[in-house]
Amino acid sequence: MTTEKDSSVRLDVWLWRARFYKTRKLSSEHISKKGVRISRNGQVRRTTKPGTTITVGDIVTFGKSVHIRSVEVLELGTRRGPAKEAQGLYIDWESET
């Protein structure tokens, strides 16, 4: 049985697990200060709350350095693993073009 807890994860945790930020604190600070866009089922919303939940299939768009990253969530992950494992959590739409 899949529960809500199993099918979603906090945005700051996922960005940290996917290795976009070295620490969860940096991930939370970026979300709070700069915001992130989440696309789900054709609807786009902007959030500055690190505790916002995301699910598989969401598209997360955020600024990183001078680039804007747009990634589709493939898996939520259960830990912050090695880089190869982290890359399996998402599709980077920038590298696909």
PDB file of N, CA and C in Angstrom:
ATOM      1  N   MET A   1       0.840  -1.187   0.000  1.00  0.00           N
ATOM      2  CA  MET A   1       0.000   0.000   0.000  1.00  0.00           C
ATOM      3  C   MET A   1       0.882   1.246   0.000  1.00  0.00           C
ATOM      4  N   THR A   2       0.638   2.138  -0.923  1.00  0.00           N
ATOM      5  CA  THR A   2       1.400   3.378  -1.024  1.00  0.00           C
ATOM      6  C   THR A   2       0.707   4.464  -0.218  1.00  0.00           C
ATOM      7  N   THR A   3       1.463   5.114   0.635  1.00  0.00           N
ATOM      8  CA  THR A   3       0.911   6.195   1.440  1.00  0.00           C
ATOM      9  C   THR A   3       1.369   7.530   0.876  1.00  0.00           C
ATOM     10  N   GLU A   4       0.757   8.601   1.339  1.00  0.00           N
ATOM     11  CA  GLU A   4       1.129   9.954   0.905  1.00  0.00           C
ATOM     12  C   GLU A   4       2.608  10.198   1.192  1.00  0.00           C
ATOM     13  N   LYS A   5       3.088   9.692   2.327  1.00  0.00           N
ATOM     14  CA  LYS A   5       4.486   9.882   2.698  1.00  0.00           C
ATOM     15  C   LYS A   5       5.422   9.206   1.698  1.00  0.00           C
ATOM     16  N   ASP A   6       5.025   8.046   1.176  1.00  0.00           N
ATOM     17  CA  ASP A   6       5.850   7.312   0.219  1.00  0.00           C
ATOM     18  C   ASP A   6       5.814   7.927  -1.174  1.00  0.00           C
ATOM     19  N   SER A   7       4.746   8.624  -1.507  1.00  0.00           N
ATOM     20  CA  SER A   7       4.575   9.131  -2.865  1.00  0.00           C
ATOM     21  C   SER A   7       4.962  10.595  -3.024  1.00  0.00           C
ATOM     22  N   SER A   8       5.482  11.203  -1.992  1.00  0.00           N
ATOM     23  CA  SER A   8       5.931  12.590  -2.080  1.00  0.00           C
ATOM     24  C   SER A   8       7.105  12.806  -1.133  1.00  0.00           C
ATOM     25  N   VAL A   9       7.837  13.886  -1.390  1.00  0.00           N
ATOM     26  CA  VAL A   9       8.984  14.229  -0.550  1.00  0.00           C
ATOM     27  C   VAL A   9       9.108  15.754  -0.524  1.00  0.00           C
ATOM     28  N   ARG A  10       9.701  16.267   0.520  1.00  0.00           N
ATOM     29  CA  ARG A  10       9.935  17.710   0.611  1.00  0.00           C
ATOM     30  C   ARG A  10      10.868  18.160  -0.508  1.00  0.00           C
ATOM     31  N   LEU A  11      10.588  19.328  -1.059  1.00  0.00           N
ATOM     32  CA  LEU A  11      11.378  19.878  -2.154  1.00  0.00           C
ATOM     33  C   LEU A  11      12.849  20.046  -1.767  1.00  0.00           C
ATOM     34  N   ASP A  12      13.114  20.603  -0.590  1.00  0.00           N
ATOM     35  CA  ASP A  12      14.506  20.815  -0.175  1.00  0.00           C
ATOM     36  C   ASP A  12      15.253  19.496  -0.025  1.00  0.00           C
ATOM     37  N   VAL A  13      14.583  18.478   0.477  1.00  0.00           N
ATOM     38  CA  VAL A  13      15.205  17.171   0.639  1.00  0.00           C
ATOM     39  C   VAL A  13      15.525  16.563  -0.730  1.00  0.00           C
ATOM     40  N   TRP A  14      14.582  16.660  -1.664  1.00  0.00           N
ATOM     41  CA  TRP A  14      14.811  16.072  -2.978  1.00  0.00           C
ATOM     42  C   TRP A  14      15.963  16.768  -3.710  1.00  0.00           C
ATOM     43  N   LEU A  15      16.009  18.100  -3.671  1.00  0.00           N
ATOM     44  CA  LEU A  15      17.102  18.825  -4.329  1.00  0.00           C
ATOM     45  C   LEU A  15      18.455  18.443  -3.721  1.00  0.00           C
ATOM     46  N   TRP A  16      18.483  18.191  -2.423  1.00  0.00           N
ATOM     47  CA  TRP A  16      19.709  17.752  -1.751  1.00  0.00           C
ATOM     48  C   TRP A  16      20.051  16.322  -2.154  1.00  0.00           C
ATOM     49  N   ARG A  17      19.065  15.419  -2.150  1.00  0.00           N
ATOM     50  CA  ARG A  17      19.302  14.031  -2.557  1.00  0.00           C
ATOM     51  C   ARG A  17      19.766  13.928  -4.006  1.00  0.00           C
ATOM     52  N   ALA A  18      19.240  14.792  -4.858  1.00  0.00           N
ATOM     53  CA  ALA A  18      19.606  14.783  -6.275  1.00  0.00           C
ATOM     54  C   ALA A  18      20.944  15.485  -6.517  1.00  0.00           C
ATOM     55  N   ARG A  19      21.572  15.947  -5.451  1.00  0.00           N
ATOM     56  CA  ARG A  19      22.902  16.555  -5.470  1.00  0.00           C
ATOM     57  C   ARG A  19      22.984  17.886  -6.212  1.00  0.00           C
ATOM     58  N   PHE A  20      21.919  18.660  -6.171  1.00  0.00           N
ATOM     59  CA  PHE A  20      21.982  20.007  -6.720  1.00  0.00           C
ATOM     60  C   PHE A  20      22.599  20.955  -5.696  1.00  0.00           C
ATOM     61  N   TYR A  21      22.540  20.579  -4.415  1.00  0.00           N
ATOM     62  CA  TYR A  21      23.112  21.366  -3.326  1.00  0.00           C
ATOM     63  C   TYR A  21      23.883  20.446  -2.396  1.00  0.00           C
ATOM     64  N   LYS A  22      24.996  20.952  -1.845  1.00  0.00           N
ATOM     65  CA  LYS A  22      25.846  20.132  -0.979  1.00  0.00           C
ATOM     66  C   LYS A  22      25.203  19.811   0.358  1.00  0.00           C
ATOM     67  N   THR A  23      24.366  20.724   0.861  1.00  0.00           N
ATOM     68  CA  THR A  23      23.698  20.482   2.138  1.00  0.00           C
ATOM     69  C   THR A  23      22.216  20.783   2.011  1.00  0.00           C
ATOM     70  N   ARG A  24      21.450  20.194   2.913  1.00  0.00           N
ATOM     71  CA  ARG A  24      20.015  20.462   2.918  1.00  0.00           C
ATOM     72  C   ARG A  24      19.761  21.919   3.297  1.00  0.00           C
ATOM     73  N   LYS A  25      20.596  22.465   4.145  1.00  0.00           N
ATOM     74  CA  LYS A  25      20.442  23.863   4.545  1.00  0.00           C
ATOM     75  C   LYS A  25      20.595  24.794   3.339  1.00  0.00           C
ATOM     76  N   LEU A  26      21.588  24.537   2.484  1.00  0.00           N
ATOM     77  CA  LEU A  26      21.760  25.359   1.279  1.00  0.00           C
ATOM     78  C   LEU A  26      20.555  25.241   0.358  1.00  0.00           C
ATOM     79  N   SER A  27      20.037  24.036   0.251  1.00  0.00           N
ATOM     80  CA  SER A  27      18.844  23.812  -0.572  1.00  0.00           C
ATOM     81  C   SER A  27      17.667  24.627  -0.030  1.00  0.00           C
ATOM     82  N   SER A  28      17.447  24.558   1.266  1.00  0.00           N
ATOM     83  CA  SER A  28      16.349  25.297   1.905  1.00  0.00           C
ATOM     84  C   SER A  28      16.512  26.802   1.735  1.00  0.00           C
ATOM     85  N   GLU A  29      17.729  27.280   1.917  1.00  0.00           N
ATOM     86  CA  GLU A  29      17.980  28.714   1.778  1.00  0.00           C
ATOM     87  C   GLU A  29      17.719  29.197   0.363  1.00  0.00           C
ATOM     88  N   HIS A  30      18.132  28.416  -0.629  1.00  0.00           N
ATOM     89  CA  HIS A  30      17.896  28.813  -2.019  1.00  0.00           C
ATOM     90  C   HIS A  30      16.398  28.904  -2.302  1.00  0.00           C
ATOM     91  N   ILE A  31      15.651  27.905  -1.873  1.00  0.00           N
ATOM     92  CA  ILE A  31      14.205  27.902  -2.102  1.00  0.00           C
ATOM     93  C   ILE A  31      13.570  29.114  -1.424  1.00  0.00           C
ATOM     94  N   SER A  32      13.945  29.374  -0.185  1.00  0.00           N
ATOM     95  CA  SER A  32      13.359  30.488   0.572  1.00  0.00           C
ATOM     96  C   SER A  32      13.678  31.847  -0.046  1.00  0.00           C
ATOM     97  N   LYS A  33      14.904  32.020  -0.496  1.00  0.00           N
ATOM     98  CA  LYS A  33      15.334  33.321  -1.001  1.00  0.00           C
ATOM     99  C   LYS A  33      14.988  33.567  -2.469  1.00  0.00           C
ATOM    100  N   LYS A  34      15.138  32.544  -3.300  1.00  0.00           N
ATOM    101  CA  LYS A  34      14.973  32.749  -4.744  1.00  0.00           C
ATOM    102  C   LYS A  34      13.717  32.112  -5.322  1.00  0.00           C
ATOM    103  N   GLY A  35      13.192  31.102  -4.658  1.00  0.00           N
ATOM    104  CA  GLY A  35      11.992  30.449  -5.150  1.00  0.00           C
ATOM    105  C   GLY A  35      12.267  29.382  -6.187  1.00  0.00           C
ATOM    106  N   VAL A  36      11.279  28.522  -6.364  1.00  0.00           N
ATOM    107  CA  VAL A  36      11.348  27.417  -7.316  1.00  0.00           C
ATOM    108  C   VAL A  36       9.974  27.301  -7.967  1.00  0.00           C
ATOM    109  N   ARG A  37       9.953  26.929  -9.251  1.00  0.00           N
ATOM    110  CA  ARG A  37       8.679  26.672  -9.932  1.00  0.00           C
ATOM    111  C   ARG A  37       8.476  25.170 -10.021  1.00  0.00           C
ATOM    112  N   ILE A  38       7.241  24.757  -9.764  1.00  0.00           N
ATOM    113  CA  ILE A  38       6.883  23.343  -9.864  1.00  0.00           C
ATOM    114  C   ILE A  38       5.727  23.220 -10.837  1.00  0.00           C
ATOM    115  N   SER A  39       5.899  22.383 -11.855  1.00  0.00           N
ATOM    116  CA  SER A  39       4.838  22.117 -12.832  1.00  0.00           C
ATOM    117  C   SER A  39       4.279  20.738 -12.546  1.00  0.00           C
ATOM    118  N   ARG A  40       2.962  20.676 -12.355  1.00  0.00           N
ATOM    119  CA  ARG A  40       2.286  19.405 -12.088  1.00  0.00           C
ATOM    120  C   ARG A  40       0.948  19.409 -12.797  1.00  0.00           C
ATOM    121  N   ASN A  41       0.723  18.403 -13.616  1.00  0.00           N
ATOM    122  CA  ASN A  41      -0.543  18.259 -14.337  1.00  0.00           C
ATOM    123  C   ASN A  41      -0.920  19.519 -15.117  1.00  0.00           C
ATOM    124  N   GLY A  42       0.061  20.145 -15.744  1.00  0.00           N
ATOM    125  CA  GLY A  42      -0.199  21.323 -16.562  1.00  0.00           C
ATOM    126  C   GLY A  42      -0.333  22.627 -15.796  1.00  0.00           C
ATOM    127  N   GLN A  43      -0.256  22.560 -14.475  1.00  0.00           N
ATOM    128  CA  GLN A  43      -0.343  23.781 -13.668  1.00  0.00           C
ATOM    129  C   GLN A  43       1.034  24.113 -13.110  1.00  0.00           C
ATOM    130  N   VAL A  44       1.386  25.396 -13.182  1.00  0.00           N
ATOM    131  CA  VAL A  44       2.684  25.846 -12.690  1.00  0.00           C
ATOM    132  C   VAL A  44       2.449  26.712 -11.462  1.00  0.00           C
ATOM    133  N   ARG A  45       3.228  26.443 -10.428  1.00  0.00           N
ATOM    134  CA  ARG A  45       3.147  27.306  -9.238  1.00  0.00           C
ATOM    135  C   ARG A  45       4.551  27.608  -8.758  1.00  0.00           C
ATOM    136  N   ARG A  46       4.691  28.763  -8.163  1.00  0.00           N
ATOM    137  CA  ARG A  46       5.974  29.196  -7.623  1.00  0.00           C
ATOM    138  C   ARG A  46       5.909  29.043  -6.112  1.00  0.00           C
ATOM    139  N   THR A  47       6.982  28.584  -5.521  1.00  0.00           N
ATOM    140  CA  THR A  47       7.003  28.432  -4.086  1.00  0.00           C
ATOM    141  C   THR A  47       8.320  28.925  -3.499  1.00  0.00           C
ATOM    142  N   THR A  48       8.239  29.422  -2.282  1.00  0.00           N
ATOM    143  CA  THR A  48       9.424  29.796  -1.517  1.00  0.00           C
ATOM    144  C   THR A  48       9.451  29.007  -0.213  1.00  0.00           C
ATOM    145  N   LYS A  49       8.695  27.911  -0.172  1.00  0.00           N
ATOM    146  CA  LYS A  49       8.612  27.083   1.031  1.00  0.00           C
ATOM    147  C   LYS A  49       9.383  25.774   0.821  1.00  0.00           C
ATOM    148  N   PRO A  50      10.465  25.575   1.556  1.00  0.00           N
ATOM    149  CA  PRO A  50      11.258  24.355   1.407  1.00  0.00           C
ATOM    150  C   PRO A  50      10.457  23.081   1.685  1.00  0.00           C
ATOM    151  N   GLY A  51       9.420  23.163   2.492  1.00  0.00           N
ATOM    152  CA  GLY A  51       8.623  21.995   2.847  1.00  0.00           C
ATOM    153  C   GLY A  51       7.564  21.623   1.836  1.00  0.00           C
ATOM    154  N   THR A  52       7.489  22.333   0.719  1.00  0.00           N
ATOM    155  CA  THR A  52       6.534  21.996  -0.331  1.00  0.00           C
ATOM    156  C   THR A  52       6.831  20.586  -0.819  1.00  0.00           C
ATOM    157  N   THR A  53       5.792  19.781  -0.996  1.00  0.00           N
ATOM    158  CA  THR A  53       6.017  18.405  -1.431  1.00  0.00           C
ATOM    159  C   THR A  53       5.990  18.293  -2.951  1.00  0.00           C
ATOM    160  N   ILE A  54       6.825  17.398  -3.447  1.00  0.00           N
ATOM    161  CA  ILE A  54       6.847  17.099  -4.871  1.00  0.00           C
ATOM    162  C   ILE A  54       6.627  15.604  -5.052  1.00  0.00           C
ATOM    163  N   THR A  55       6.189  15.223  -6.250  1.00  0.00           N
ATOM    164  CA  THR A  55       5.937  13.824  -6.564  1.00  0.00           C
ATOM    165  C   THR A  55       6.601  13.473  -7.894  1.00  0.00           C
ATOM    166  N   VAL A  56       6.650  12.194  -8.182  1.00  0.00           N
ATOM    167  CA  VAL A  56       7.194  11.728  -9.460  1.00  0.00           C
ATOM    168  C   VAL A  56       6.365  12.335 -10.593  1.00  0.00           C
ATOM    169  N   GLY A  57       7.040  12.830 -11.616  1.00  0.00           N
ATOM    170  CA  GLY A  57       6.369  13.455 -12.754  1.00  0.00           C
ATOM    171  C   GLY A  57       6.369  14.968 -12.702  1.00  0.00           C
ATOM    172  N   ASP A  58       6.628  15.551 -11.528  1.00  0.00           N
ATOM    173  CA  ASP A  58       6.705  17.006 -11.415  1.00  0.00           C
ATOM    174  C   ASP A  58       7.916  17.518 -12.189  1.00  0.00           C
ATOM    175  N   ILE A  59       7.812  18.736 -12.696  1.00  0.00           N
ATOM    176  CA  ILE A  59       8.955  19.400 -13.321  1.00  0.00           C
ATOM    177  C   ILE A  59       9.350  20.551 -12.408  1.00  0.00           C
ATOM    178  N   VAL A  60      10.590  20.523 -11.964  1.00  0.00           N
ATOM    179  CA  VAL A  60      11.109  21.510 -11.020  1.00  0.00           C
ATOM    180  C   VAL A  60      12.057  22.430 -11.780  1.00  0.00           C
ATOM    181  N   THR A  61      11.807  23.742 -11.704  1.00  0.00           N
ATOM    182  CA  THR A  61      12.623  24.731 -12.395  1.00  0.00           C
ATOM    183  C   THR A  61      13.193  25.697 -11.363  1.00  0.00           C
ATOM    184  N   PHE A  62      14.514  25.891 -11.420  1.00  0.00           N
ATOM    185  CA  PHE A  62      15.171  26.750 -10.440  1.00  0.00           C
ATOM    186  C   PHE A  62      16.461  27.296 -11.024  1.00  0.00           C
ATOM    187  N   GLY A  63      16.899  28.421 -10.476  1.00  0.00           N
ATOM    188  CA  GLY A  63      18.160  29.010 -10.904  1.00  0.00           C
ATOM    189  C   GLY A  63      19.311  28.362 -10.171  1.00  0.00           C
ATOM    190  N   LYS A  64      20.368  28.057 -10.902  1.00  0.00           N
ATOM    191  CA  LYS A  64      21.584  27.485 -10.314  1.00  0.00           C
ATOM    192  C   LYS A  64      22.747  28.160 -11.004  1.00  0.00           C
ATOM    193  N   SER A  65      23.514  28.940 -10.255  1.00  0.00           N
ATOM    194  CA  SER A  65      24.584  29.780 -10.810  1.00  0.00           C
ATOM    195  C   SER A  65      23.957  30.742 -11.809  1.00  0.00           C
ATOM    196  N   VAL A  66      24.454  30.740 -13.024  1.00  0.00           N
ATOM    197  CA  VAL A  66      23.900  31.632 -14.048  1.00  0.00           C
ATOM    198  C   VAL A  66      22.929  30.901 -14.971  1.00  0.00           C
ATOM    199  N   HIS A  67      22.651  29.638 -14.669  1.00  0.00           N
ATOM    200  CA  HIS A  67      21.778  28.820 -15.508  1.00  0.00           C
ATOM    201  C   HIS A  67      20.423  28.609 -14.840  1.00  0.00           C
ATOM    202  N   ILE A  68      19.431  28.368 -15.651  1.00  0.00           N
ATOM    203  CA  ILE A  68      18.129  27.955 -15.137  1.00  0.00           C
ATOM    204  C   ILE A  68      18.007  26.474 -15.426  1.00  0.00           C
ATOM    205  N   ARG A  69      17.790  25.696 -14.371  1.00  0.00           N
ATOM    206  CA  ARG A  69      17.672  24.245 -14.505  1.00  0.00           C
ATOM    207  C   ARG A  69      16.202  23.867 -14.532  1.00  0.00           C
ATOM    208  N   SER A  70      15.861  22.948 -15.396  1.00  0.00           N
ATOM    209  CA  SER A  70      14.511  22.424 -15.479  1.00  0.00           C
ATOM    210  C   SER A  70      14.636  20.910 -15.536  1.00  0.00           C
ATOM    211  N   VAL A  71      14.188  20.241 -14.461  1.00  0.00           N
ATOM    212  CA  VAL A  71      14.352  18.794 -14.358  1.00  0.00           C
ATOM    213  C   VAL A  71      13.016  18.132 -14.055  1.00  0.00           C
ATOM    214  N   GLU A  72      12.814  16.950 -14.625  1.00  0.00           N
ATOM    215  CA  GLU A  72      11.613  16.162 -14.343  1.00  0.00           C
ATOM    216  C   GLU A  72      11.960  15.120 -13.299  1.00  0.00           C
ATOM    217  N   VAL A  73      11.136  15.021 -12.275  1.00  0.00           N
ATOM    218  CA  VAL A  73      11.358  14.075 -11.184  1.00  0.00           C
ATOM    219  C   VAL A  73      10.976  12.673 -11.659  1.00  0.00           C
ATOM    220  N   LEU A  74      11.956  11.752 -11.684  1.00  0.00           N
ATOM    221  CA  LEU A  74      11.710  10.365 -12.054  1.00  0.00           C
ATOM    222  C   LEU A  74      11.518   9.477 -10.832  1.00  0.00           C
ATOM    223  N   GLU A  75      12.285   9.758  -9.784  1.00  0.00           N
ATOM    224  CA  GLU A  75      12.214   9.015  -8.530  1.00  0.00           C
ATOM    225  C   GLU A  75      12.431   9.984  -7.385  1.00  0.00           C
ATOM    226  N   LEU A  76      11.920   9.612  -6.203  1.00  0.00           N
ATOM    227  CA  LEU A  76      12.072  10.475  -5.039  1.00  0.00           C
ATOM    228  C   LEU A  76      13.345  10.177  -4.267  1.00  0.00           C
ATOM    229  N   GLY A  77      13.842   8.958  -4.376  1.00  0.00           N
ATOM    230  CA  GLY A  77      15.051   8.580  -3.648  1.00  0.00           C
ATOM    231  C   GLY A  77      14.756   8.335  -2.181  1.00  0.00           C
ATOM    232  N   THR A  78      15.676   7.652  -1.536  1.00  0.00           N
ATOM    233  CA  THR A  78      15.526   7.371  -0.108  1.00  0.00           C
ATOM    234  C   THR A  78      16.703   7.883   0.692  1.00  0.00           C
ATOM    235  N   ARG A  79      17.757   8.328  -0.033  1.00  0.00           N
ATOM    236  CA  ARG A  79      18.957   8.821   0.634  1.00  0.00           C
ATOM    237  C   ARG A  79      19.737   9.698  -0.328  1.00  0.00           C
ATOM    238  N   ARG A  80      20.765  10.347   0.197  1.00  0.00           N
ATOM    239  CA  ARG A  80      21.699  11.091  -0.654  1.00  0.00           C
ATOM    240  C   ARG A  80      22.830  10.120  -0.989  1.00  0.00           C
ATOM    241  N   GLY A  81      22.738   9.532  -2.148  1.00  0.00           N
ATOM    242  CA  GLY A  81      23.713   8.533  -2.555  1.00  0.00           C
ATOM    243  C   GLY A  81      24.776   9.122  -3.454  1.00  0.00           C
ATOM    244  N   PRO A  82      25.536   8.235  -4.108  1.00  0.00           N
ATOM    245  CA  PRO A  82      26.570   8.694  -5.032  1.00  0.00           C
ATOM    246  C   PRO A  82      25.970   9.440  -6.223  1.00  0.00           C
ATOM    247  N   ALA A  83      26.814  10.171  -6.931  1.00  0.00           N
ATOM    248  CA  ALA A  83      26.351  11.003  -8.043  1.00  0.00           C
ATOM    249  C   ALA A  83      25.602  10.185  -9.089  1.00  0.00           C
ATOM    250  N   LYS A  84      26.071   9.016  -9.416  1.00  0.00           N
ATOM    251  CA  LYS A  84      25.425   8.174 -10.435  1.00  0.00           C
ATOM    252  C   LYS A  84      24.002   7.834  -9.999  1.00  0.00           C
ATOM    253  N   GLU A  85      23.817   7.517  -8.739  1.00  0.00           N
ATOM    254  CA  GLU A  85      22.480   7.221  -8.206  1.00  0.00           C
ATOM    255  C   GLU A  85      21.604   8.470  -8.231  1.00  0.00           C
ATOM    256  N   ALA A  86      22.174   9.606  -7.874  1.00  0.00           N
ATOM    257  CA  ALA A  86      21.426  10.868  -7.849  1.00  0.00           C
ATOM    258  C   ALA A  86      20.951  11.250  -9.250  1.00  0.00           C
ATOM    259  N   GLN A  87      21.763  10.988 -10.270  1.00  0.00           N
ATOM    260  CA  GLN A  87      21.384  11.330 -11.640  1.00  0.00           C
ATOM    261  C   GLN A  87      20.198  10.505 -12.119  1.00  0.00           C
ATOM    262  N   GLY A  88      19.933   9.388 -11.497  1.00  0.00           N
ATOM    263  CA  GLY A  88      18.787   8.567 -11.851  1.00  0.00           C
ATOM    264  C   GLY A  88      17.476   9.084 -11.283  1.00  0.00           C
ATOM    265  N   LEU A  89      17.544  10.127 -10.447  1.00  0.00           N
ATOM    266  CA  LEU A  89      16.340  10.686  -9.837  1.00  0.00           C
ATOM    267  C   LEU A  89      15.611  11.655 -10.767  1.00  0.00           C
ATOM    268  N   TYR A  90      16.280  12.084 -11.850  1.00  0.00           N
ATOM    269  CA  TYR A  90      15.681  13.121 -12.691  1.00  0.00           C
ATOM    270  C   TYR A  90      16.155  13.036 -14.140  1.00  0.00           C
ATOM    271  N   ILE A  91      15.421  13.719 -15.005  1.00  0.00           N
ATOM    272  CA  ILE A  91      15.844  13.987 -16.380  1.00  0.00           C
ATOM    273  C   ILE A  91      16.115  15.482 -16.450  1.00  0.00           C
ATOM    274  N   ASP A  92      17.299  15.832 -16.874  1.00  0.00           N
ATOM    275  CA  ASP A  92      17.656  17.238 -17.032  1.00  0.00           C
ATOM    276  C   ASP A  92      17.263  17.670 -18.440  1.00  0.00           C
ATOM    277  N   TRP A  93      16.242  18.499 -18.566  1.00  0.00           N
ATOM    278  CA  TRP A  93      15.753  18.901 -19.876  1.00  0.00           C
ATOM    279  C   TRP A  93      16.740  19.765 -20.625  1.00  0.00           C
ATOM    280  N   GLU A  94      17.659  20.408 -19.946  1.00  0.00           N
ATOM    281  CA  GLU A  94      18.661  21.228 -20.613  1.00  0.00           C
ATOM    282  C   GLU A  94      19.658  20.365 -21.363  1.00  0.00           C
ATOM    283  N   SER A  95      20.006  19.208 -20.809  1.00  0.00           N
ATOM    284  CA  SER A  95      21.000  18.353 -21.466  1.00  0.00           C
ATOM    285  C   SER A  95      20.384  17.505 -22.568  1.00  0.00           C
ATOM    286  N   GLU A  96      19.052  17.445 -22.627  1.00  0.00           N
ATOM    287  CA  GLU A  96      18.358  16.654 -23.649  1.00  0.00           C
ATOM    288  C   GLU A  96      18.289  17.387 -24.977  1.00  0.00           C
ATOM    289  N   THR A  97      18.443  18.714 -24.969  1.00  0.00           N
ATOM    290  CA  THR A  97      18.325  19.483 -26.208  1.00  0.00           C
ATOM    291  C   THR A  97      19.629  19.590 -26.935  1.00  0.00           C
TER     292      THR A  97
END
